[in-house]
């Protein structure tokens, strides 16, 4: 049987992590564009009442909307990092994602081990209280340009979103999954990513010496995106059309 993806390049939809934005995916988007892929990397937005009234389901609905706003797209590769990985996992079945890539993803509550839940304020001031020194500590495997970009663009986050993310329980997805883990990620340990890959019956790729944001913004970001793209094209090409 032929593949349903022989003549159609699927679109990559990127979902950023907490306190970040679509800008995190610029390197990956360039890599995917060089191979003829379309991509979307938008910012998750607070609700009209403000960030303190924003909940996890508000973000999940936005991700679903991104995947449904183009009638010409026949399938999607859904890629999420950190909180964005959990969101991608949460909506995968609803939007019939063709495949999932989870980068240093938060794990659902039914996957162990996981980091303990922090005592988040109503609004987490990652943007308003940011400092260059904390940005440098969080990004040891990036260059000065990436650190300055992140420092300028970190944003505050909803504490409710983060608390709800820690409590979210999910079923395993039915599509193929690749889990990418930073070897020295201090926020999502490799053991958590390994357990998540097992939960999803997926593959695990560990990026050597990579931090939490390293696979997206670090010195190995382009190479990591290339490896992800190779996996995606092989995986999607192997899926047959049922006549």
C-alpha atoms as a PDB file:
ATOM      1  CA  UNK A   1       0.000   0.000   0.000  1.00  0.00           C
ATOM      2  CA  UNK A   2       1.187   3.517  -0.737  1.00  0.00           C
ATOM      3  CA  UNK A   3       1.621   6.125   1.958  1.00  0.00           C
ATOM      4  CA  UNK A   4      -0.990   8.846   2.396  1.00  0.00           C
ATOM      5  CA  UNK A   5       1.917  11.317   2.717  1.00  0.00           C
ATOM      6  CA  UNK A   6       3.657  10.659  -0.602  1.00  0.00           C
ATOM      7  CA  UNK A   7       2.462  13.911  -2.190  1.00  0.00           C
ATOM      8  CA  UNK A   8       1.525  15.984   0.853  1.00  0.00           C
ATOM      9  CA  UNK A   9       4.029  17.569   3.210  1.00  0.00           C
ATOM     10  CA  UNK A  10       2.378  17.683   6.630  1.00  0.00           C
ATOM     11  CA  UNK A  11       2.458  20.889   8.604  1.00  0.00           C
ATOM     12  CA  UNK A  12       4.466  21.109  11.815  1.00  0.00           C
ATOM     13  CA  UNK A  13       2.629  22.824  14.650  1.00  0.00           C
ATOM     14  CA  UNK A  14       4.933  23.963  17.459  1.00  0.00           C
ATOM     15  CA  UNK A  15       3.693  24.577  21.017  1.00  0.00           C
ATOM     16  CA  UNK A  16       5.958  26.553  23.337  1.00  0.00           C
ATOM     17  CA  UNK A  17       6.505  26.150  27.052  1.00  0.00           C
ATOM     18  CA  UNK A  18       5.413  28.170  30.070  1.00  0.00           C
ATOM     19  CA  UNK A  19       6.793  31.691  30.214  1.00  0.00           C
ATOM     20  CA  UNK A  20       7.932  31.540  26.604  1.00  0.00           C
ATOM     21  CA  UNK A  21       6.493  32.128  23.161  1.00  0.00           C
ATOM     22  CA  UNK A  22       6.495  31.004  19.554  1.00  0.00           C
ATOM     23  CA  UNK A  23       9.896  32.698  19.151  1.00  0.00           C
ATOM     24  CA  UNK A  24      11.468  29.675  20.891  1.00  0.00           C
ATOM     25  CA  UNK A  25      10.969  27.625  17.719  1.00  0.00           C
ATOM     26  CA  UNK A  26      12.775  29.916  15.217  1.00  0.00           C
ATOM     27  CA  UNK A  27      15.709  27.527  14.666  1.00  0.00           C
ATOM     28  CA  UNK A  28      13.414  24.536  14.227  1.00  0.00           C
ATOM     29  CA  UNK A  29      11.176  26.433  11.823  1.00  0.00           C
ATOM     30  CA  UNK A  30      14.153  27.303   9.638  1.00  0.00           C
ATOM     31  CA  UNK A  31      15.220  23.658   9.532  1.00  0.00           C
ATOM     32  CA  UNK A  32      11.723  22.463   8.641  1.00  0.00           C
ATOM     33  CA  UNK A  33      11.260  25.203   6.026  1.00  0.00           C
ATOM     34  CA  UNK A  34      14.515  24.166   4.339  1.00  0.00           C
ATOM     35  CA  UNK A  35      12.917  20.753   3.765  1.00  0.00           C
ATOM     36  CA  UNK A  36       9.717  22.202   2.313  1.00  0.00           C
ATOM     37  CA  UNK A  37       7.520  21.933   5.399  1.00  0.00           C
ATOM     38  CA  UNK A  38       4.933  24.451   6.479  1.00  0.00           C
ATOM     39  CA  UNK A  39       4.883  25.333  10.159  1.00  0.00           C
ATOM     40  CA  UNK A  40       2.984  27.273  12.812  1.00  0.00           C
ATOM     41  CA  UNK A  41       4.524  28.620  16.034  1.00  0.00           C
ATOM     42  CA  UNK A  42       2.129  31.025  17.726  1.00  0.00           C
ATOM     43  CA  UNK A  43       2.029  32.466  21.217  1.00  0.00           C
ATOM     44  CA  UNK A  44      -0.338  31.005  23.788  1.00  0.00           C
ATOM     45  CA  UNK A  45      -2.464  33.946  24.928  1.00  0.00           C
ATOM     46  CA  UNK A  46      -4.127  34.755  28.247  1.00  0.00           C
ATOM     47  CA  UNK A  47      -7.902  35.054  28.325  1.00  0.00           C
ATOM     48  CA  UNK A  48      -9.553  38.465  28.170  1.00  0.00           C
ATOM     49  CA  UNK A  49      -9.817  38.742  31.971  1.00  0.00           C
ATOM     50  CA  UNK A  50      -6.055  38.361  32.268  1.00  0.00           C
ATOM     51  CA  UNK A  51      -3.329  35.887  33.063  1.00  0.00           C
ATOM     52  CA  UNK A  52      -4.574  35.144  36.586  1.00  0.00           C
ATOM     53  CA  UNK A  53      -7.879  33.899  35.120  1.00  0.00           C
ATOM     54  CA  UNK A  54      -6.213  31.777  32.440  1.00  0.00           C
ATOM     55  CA  UNK A  55      -6.447  27.996  32.812  1.00  0.00           C
ATOM     56  CA  UNK A  56      -4.904  24.988  31.137  1.00  0.00           C
ATOM     57  CA  UNK A  57      -8.031  24.276  29.089  1.00  0.00           C
ATOM     58  CA  UNK A  58      -7.793  27.790  27.603  1.00  0.00           C
ATOM     59  CA  UNK A  59      -4.349  27.004  26.225  1.00  0.00           C
ATOM     60  CA  UNK A  60      -5.445  23.549  25.038  1.00  0.00           C
ATOM     61  CA  UNK A  61      -8.319  25.103  23.088  1.00  0.00           C
ATOM     62  CA  UNK A  62      -5.925  27.484  21.379  1.00  0.00           C
ATOM     63  CA  UNK A  63      -3.719  24.595  20.276  1.00  0.00           C
ATOM     64  CA  UNK A  64      -6.737  22.768  18.888  1.00  0.00           C
ATOM     65  CA  UNK A  65      -7.730  25.900  16.987  1.00  0.00           C
ATOM     66  CA  UNK A  66      -4.267  26.179  15.440  1.00  0.00           C
ATOM     67  CA  UNK A  67      -4.562  22.663  14.076  1.00  0.00           C
ATOM     68  CA  UNK A  68      -8.028  23.210  12.663  1.00  0.00           C
ATOM     69  CA  UNK A  69      -7.643  26.566  10.955  1.00  0.00           C
ATOM     70  CA  UNK A  70      -6.300  25.315   7.617  1.00  0.00           C
ATOM     71  CA  UNK A  71      -8.583  23.120   5.528  1.00  0.00           C
ATOM     72  CA  UNK A  72      -5.772  22.352   3.056  1.00  0.00           C
ATOM     73  CA  UNK A  73      -3.702  20.495   5.630  1.00  0.00           C
ATOM     74  CA  UNK A  74      -4.284  16.749   5.594  1.00  0.00           C
ATOM     75  CA  UNK A  75      -2.237  15.815   8.619  1.00  0.00           C
ATOM     76  CA  UNK A  76      -0.122  17.401  11.279  1.00  0.00           C
ATOM     77  CA  UNK A  77       3.078  16.777  13.148  1.00  0.00           C
ATOM     78  CA  UNK A  78       2.445  18.199  16.610  1.00  0.00           C
ATOM     79  CA  UNK A  79       5.572  19.267  18.509  1.00  0.00           C
ATOM     80  CA  UNK A  80       5.533  20.609  22.065  1.00  0.00           C
ATOM     81  CA  UNK A  81       8.194  21.623  24.563  1.00  0.00           C
ATOM     82  CA  UNK A  82       7.821  21.517  28.351  1.00  0.00           C
ATOM     83  CA  UNK A  83       4.251  22.685  29.114  1.00  0.00           C
ATOM     84  CA  UNK A  84       3.681  22.679  25.354  1.00  0.00           C
ATOM     85  CA  UNK A  85       4.481  18.980  25.288  1.00  0.00           C
ATOM     86  CA  UNK A  86       1.780  18.260  27.828  1.00  0.00           C
ATOM     87  CA  UNK A  87      -0.668  20.387  25.826  1.00  0.00           C
ATOM     88  CA  UNK A  88       0.235  18.516  22.641  1.00  0.00           C
ATOM     89  CA  UNK A  89      -0.319  15.215  24.402  1.00  0.00           C
ATOM     90  CA  UNK A  90      -3.666  16.439  25.758  1.00  0.00           C
ATOM     91  CA  UNK A  91      -5.115  17.421  22.359  1.00  0.00           C
ATOM     92  CA  UNK A  92      -3.498  14.768  20.140  1.00  0.00           C
ATOM     93  CA  UNK A  93      -6.520  12.486  19.995  1.00  0.00           C
ATOM     94  CA  UNK A  94      -9.034  15.303  19.489  1.00  0.00           C
ATOM     95  CA  UNK A  95      -7.183  16.740  16.493  1.00  0.00           C
ATOM     96  CA  UNK A  96      -6.096  13.353  15.116  1.00  0.00           C
ATOM     97  CA  UNK A  97      -2.418  14.320  15.087  1.00  0.00           C
ATOM     98  CA  UNK A  98      -0.384  12.165  12.718  1.00  0.00           C
ATOM     99  CA  UNK A  99       2.592  12.060  15.075  1.00  0.00           C
ATOM    100  CA  UNK A 100       3.848  13.704  18.274  1.00  0.00           C
ATOM    101  CA  UNK A 101       7.239  15.033  19.296  1.00  0.00           C
ATOM    102  CA  UNK A 102       7.597  15.885  22.999  1.00  0.00           C
ATOM    103  CA  UNK A 103      10.670  17.929  23.944  1.00  0.00           C
ATOM    104  CA  UNK A 104      11.574  17.967  27.647  1.00  0.00           C
ATOM    105  CA  UNK A 105       7.851  17.619  28.153  1.00  0.00           C
ATOM    106  CA  UNK A 106       5.967  17.850  31.404  1.00  0.00           C
ATOM    107  CA  UNK A 107       4.511  14.436  32.155  1.00  0.00           C
ATOM    108  CA  UNK A 108       0.882  13.738  33.063  1.00  0.00           C
ATOM    109  CA  UNK A 109       0.160  12.881  36.676  1.00  0.00           C
ATOM    110  CA  UNK A 110      -0.127   9.167  35.898  1.00  0.00           C
ATOM    111  CA  UNK A 111       3.510   8.988  34.732  1.00  0.00           C
ATOM    112  CA  UNK A 112       6.252   8.649  37.356  1.00  0.00           C
ATOM    113  CA  UNK A 113       8.771   9.832  38.370  1.00  0.00           C
ATOM    114  CA  UNK A 114       7.922  13.516  38.125  1.00  0.00           C
ATOM    115  CA  UNK A 115       9.290  16.630  39.815  1.00  0.00           C
ATOM    116  CA  UNK A 116       7.266  17.825  42.806  1.00  0.00           C
ATOM    117  CA  UNK A 117       4.715  20.567  42.239  1.00  0.00           C
ATOM    118  CA  UNK A 118       5.953  23.997  43.290  1.00  0.00           C
ATOM    119  CA  UNK A 119       3.948  26.507  45.290  1.00  0.00           C
ATOM    120  CA  UNK A 120       3.059  28.811  42.392  1.00  0.00           C
ATOM    121  CA  UNK A 121       1.691  32.307  42.941  1.00  0.00           C
ATOM    122  CA  UNK A 122      -1.419  33.510  41.105  1.00  0.00           C
ATOM    123  CA  UNK A 123       0.894  35.008  38.496  1.00  0.00           C
ATOM    124  CA  UNK A 124       4.417  33.619  38.172  1.00  0.00           C
ATOM    125  CA  UNK A 125       6.706  36.614  37.437  1.00  0.00           C
ATOM    126  CA  UNK A 126       9.113  34.984  35.021  1.00  0.00           C
ATOM    127  CA  UNK A 127       8.960  38.029  32.787  1.00  0.00           C
ATOM    128  CA  UNK A 128       8.409  40.937  35.139  1.00  0.00           C
ATOM    129  CA  UNK A 129      11.018  39.736  37.654  1.00  0.00           C
ATOM    130  CA  UNK A 130      13.496  38.271  35.180  1.00  0.00           C
ATOM    131  CA  UNK A 131      17.207  38.848  35.509  1.00  0.00           C
ATOM    132  CA  UNK A 132      20.076  38.332  33.158  1.00  0.00           C
ATOM    133  CA  UNK A 133      21.941  36.238  35.715  1.00  0.00           C
ATOM    134  CA  UNK A 134      19.064  33.753  36.107  1.00  0.00           C
ATOM    135  CA  UNK A 135      18.740  33.538  32.321  1.00  0.00           C
ATOM    136  CA  UNK A 136      22.426  32.728  32.020  1.00  0.00           C
ATOM    137  CA  UNK A 137      22.121  29.984  34.654  1.00  0.00           C
ATOM    138  CA  UNK A 138      19.113  28.463  32.877  1.00  0.00           C
ATOM    139  CA  UNK A 139      20.841  28.399  29.478  1.00  0.00           C
ATOM    140  CA  UNK A 140      24.401  27.105  29.959  1.00  0.00           C
ATOM    141  CA  UNK A 141      24.466  25.391  26.549  1.00  0.00           C
ATOM    142  CA  UNK A 142      23.438  28.428  24.471  1.00  0.00           C
ATOM    143  CA  UNK A 143      25.320  31.344  22.983  1.00  0.00           C
ATOM    144  CA  UNK A 144      25.091  34.990  24.024  1.00  0.00           C
ATOM    145  CA  UNK A 145      22.614  35.875  21.274  1.00  0.00           C
ATOM    146  CA  UNK A 146      20.146  33.187  22.382  1.00  0.00           C
ATOM    147  CA  UNK A 147      20.469  34.220  26.027  1.00  0.00           C
ATOM    148  CA  UNK A 148      19.819  37.870  25.225  1.00  0.00           C
ATOM    149  CA  UNK A 149      16.813  36.952  23.064  1.00  0.00           C
ATOM    150  CA  UNK A 150      15.323  34.848  25.852  1.00  0.00           C
ATOM    151  CA  UNK A 151      16.038  37.475  28.501  1.00  0.00           C
ATOM    152  CA  UNK A 152      14.156  40.068  26.493  1.00  0.00           C
ATOM    153  CA  UNK A 153      11.180  37.828  25.767  1.00  0.00           C
ATOM    154  CA  UNK A 154      10.444  35.757  28.886  1.00  0.00           C
ATOM    155  CA  UNK A 155       6.900  36.437  30.050  1.00  0.00           C
ATOM    156  CA  UNK A 156       4.860  35.947  33.189  1.00  0.00           C
ATOM    157  CA  UNK A 157       2.757  32.787  33.470  1.00  0.00           C
ATOM    158  CA  UNK A 158      -0.503  31.732  35.068  1.00  0.00           C
ATOM    159  CA  UNK A 159      -0.023  29.865  38.329  1.00  0.00           C
ATOM    160  CA  UNK A 160      -3.334  28.085  37.754  1.00  0.00           C
ATOM    161  CA  UNK A 161      -2.060  26.722  34.434  1.00  0.00           C
ATOM    162  CA  UNK A 162       1.041  25.282  36.096  1.00  0.00           C
ATOM    163  CA  UNK A 163      -0.854  23.756  39.012  1.00  0.00           C
ATOM    164  CA  UNK A 164      -3.413  22.192  36.664  1.00  0.00           C
ATOM    165  CA  UNK A 165      -0.640  20.872  34.437  1.00  0.00           C
ATOM    166  CA  UNK A 166       0.914  19.066  37.392  1.00  0.00           C
ATOM    167  CA  UNK A 167      -2.440  17.453  38.235  1.00  0.00           C
ATOM    168  CA  UNK A 168      -3.475  16.529  34.676  1.00  0.00           C
ATOM    169  CA  UNK A 169      -4.040  12.828  34.049  1.00  0.00           C
ATOM    170  CA  UNK A 170      -4.005  11.646  30.415  1.00  0.00           C
ATOM    171  CA  UNK A 171      -4.410   8.537  28.303  1.00  0.00           C
ATOM    172  CA  UNK A 172      -1.571   7.429  26.055  1.00  0.00           C
ATOM    173  CA  UNK A 173      -1.797   8.745  22.481  1.00  0.00           C
ATOM    174  CA  UNK A 174      -2.603   6.440  19.581  1.00  0.00           C
ATOM    175  CA  UNK A 175      -0.130   8.030  17.132  1.00  0.00           C
ATOM    176  CA  UNK A 176       3.657   7.557  16.916  1.00  0.00           C
ATOM    177  CA  UNK A 177       5.647   9.517  19.507  1.00  0.00           C
ATOM    178  CA  UNK A 178       9.231  10.725  19.755  1.00  0.00           C
ATOM    179  CA  UNK A 179      10.391  12.014  23.149  1.00  0.00           C
ATOM    180  CA  UNK A 180      13.444  14.293  23.151  1.00  0.00           C
ATOM    181  CA  UNK A 181      15.234  14.884  26.451  1.00  0.00           C
ATOM    182  CA  UNK A 182      18.039  17.203  27.482  1.00  0.00           C
ATOM    183  CA  UNK A 183      20.682  15.178  29.280  1.00  0.00           C
ATOM    184  CA  UNK A 184      21.205  17.812  32.001  1.00  0.00           C
ATOM    185  CA  UNK A 185      17.672  19.223  32.147  1.00  0.00           C
ATOM    186  CA  UNK A 186      17.164  20.465  35.710  1.00  0.00           C
ATOM    187  CA  UNK A 187      13.383  20.900  35.292  1.00  0.00           C
ATOM    188  CA  UNK A 188      12.359  17.641  33.612  1.00  0.00           C
ATOM    189  CA  UNK A 189      14.875  14.887  34.467  1.00  0.00           C
ATOM    190  CA  UNK A 190      15.852  12.344  31.844  1.00  0.00           C
ATOM    191  CA  UNK A 191      14.172   9.654  33.972  1.00  0.00           C
ATOM    192  CA  UNK A 192      10.843  11.448  33.527  1.00  0.00           C
ATOM    193  CA  UNK A 193      11.298  11.652  29.757  1.00  0.00           C
ATOM    194  CA  UNK A 194      12.224   7.973  29.658  1.00  0.00           C
ATOM    195  CA  UNK A 195       9.061   7.083  31.605  1.00  0.00           C
ATOM    196  CA  UNK A 196       7.004   9.287  29.288  1.00  0.00           C
ATOM    197  CA  UNK A 197       8.404   7.546  26.207  1.00  0.00           C
ATOM    198  CA  UNK A 198       7.494   4.181  27.735  1.00  0.00           C
ATOM    199  CA  UNK A 199       3.992   5.440  28.575  1.00  0.00           C
ATOM    200  CA  UNK A 200       3.507   6.575  24.963  1.00  0.00           C
ATOM    201  CA  UNK A 201       5.105   3.424  23.488  1.00  0.00           C
ATOM    202  CA  UNK A 202       7.412   5.879  21.764  1.00  0.00           C
ATOM    203  CA  UNK A 203      11.073   6.421  21.019  1.00  0.00           C
ATOM    204  CA  UNK A 204      13.509   8.381  23.206  1.00  0.00           C
ATOM    205  CA  UNK A 205      16.358  10.577  22.021  1.00  0.00           C
ATOM    206  CA  UNK A 206      18.643  12.160  24.641  1.00  0.00           C
ATOM    207  CA  UNK A 207      20.492  15.320  23.560  1.00  0.00           C
ATOM    208  CA  UNK A 208      23.944  15.202  25.201  1.00  0.00           C
ATOM    209  CA  UNK A 209      24.724  18.029  27.644  1.00  0.00           C
ATOM    210  CA  UNK A 210      21.457  19.825  26.787  1.00  0.00           C
ATOM    211  CA  UNK A 211      19.538  21.933  29.316  1.00  0.00           C
ATOM    212  CA  UNK A 212      15.765  22.381  29.523  1.00  0.00           C
ATOM    213  CA  UNK A 213      15.763  24.898  26.660  1.00  0.00           C
ATOM    214  CA  UNK A 214      18.871  23.528  24.968  1.00  0.00           C
ATOM    215  CA  UNK A 215      17.105  21.378  22.327  1.00  0.00           C
ATOM    216  CA  UNK A 216      15.339  24.538  21.069  1.00  0.00           C
ATOM    217  CA  UNK A 217      17.840  27.343  21.662  1.00  0.00           C
ATOM    218  CA  UNK A 218      21.176  25.650  22.343  1.00  0.00           C
ATOM    219  CA  UNK A 219      24.167  24.911  20.164  1.00  0.00           C
ATOM    220  CA  UNK A 220      22.683  21.525  19.179  1.00  0.00           C
ATOM    221  CA  UNK A 221      19.223  22.930  18.351  1.00  0.00           C
ATOM    222  CA  UNK A 222      19.527  22.728  14.559  1.00  0.00           C
ATOM    223  CA  UNK A 223      20.982  19.219  14.722  1.00  0.00           C
ATOM    224  CA  UNK A 224      18.199  18.144  17.084  1.00  0.00           C
ATOM    225  CA  UNK A 225      15.565  19.578  14.742  1.00  0.00           C
ATOM    226  CA  UNK A 226      17.165  17.680  11.835  1.00  0.00           C
ATOM    227  CA  UNK A 227      17.005  14.442  13.792  1.00  0.00           C
ATOM    228  CA  UNK A 228      13.365  15.106  14.670  1.00  0.00           C
ATOM    229  CA  UNK A 229      12.568  15.848  11.033  1.00  0.00           C
ATOM    230  CA  UNK A 230      14.244  12.645   9.859  1.00  0.00           C
ATOM    231  CA  UNK A 231      12.177  10.644  12.372  1.00  0.00           C
ATOM    232  CA  UNK A 232       8.974  12.400  11.325  1.00  0.00           C
ATOM    233  CA  UNK A 233       9.454  11.858   7.601  1.00  0.00           C
ATOM    234  CA  UNK A 234      10.315   8.180   8.072  1.00  0.00           C
ATOM    235  CA  UNK A 235       7.409   7.675  10.463  1.00  0.00           C
ATOM    236  CA  UNK A 236       4.799   9.409   8.322  1.00  0.00           C
ATOM    237  CA  UNK A 237       6.013   7.801   5.099  1.00  0.00           C
ATOM    238  CA  UNK A 238       5.548   4.363   6.653  1.00  0.00           C
ATOM    239  CA  UNK A 239       1.857   4.969   7.437  1.00  0.00           C
ATOM    240  CA  UNK A 240      -0.259   3.357   4.724  1.00  0.00           C
ATOM    241  CA  UNK A 241      -3.511   4.430   3.165  1.00  0.00           C
ATOM    242  CA  UNK A 242      -6.253   1.940   3.955  1.00  0.00           C
ATOM    243  CA  UNK A 243      -8.141   1.386   0.677  1.00  0.00           C
END
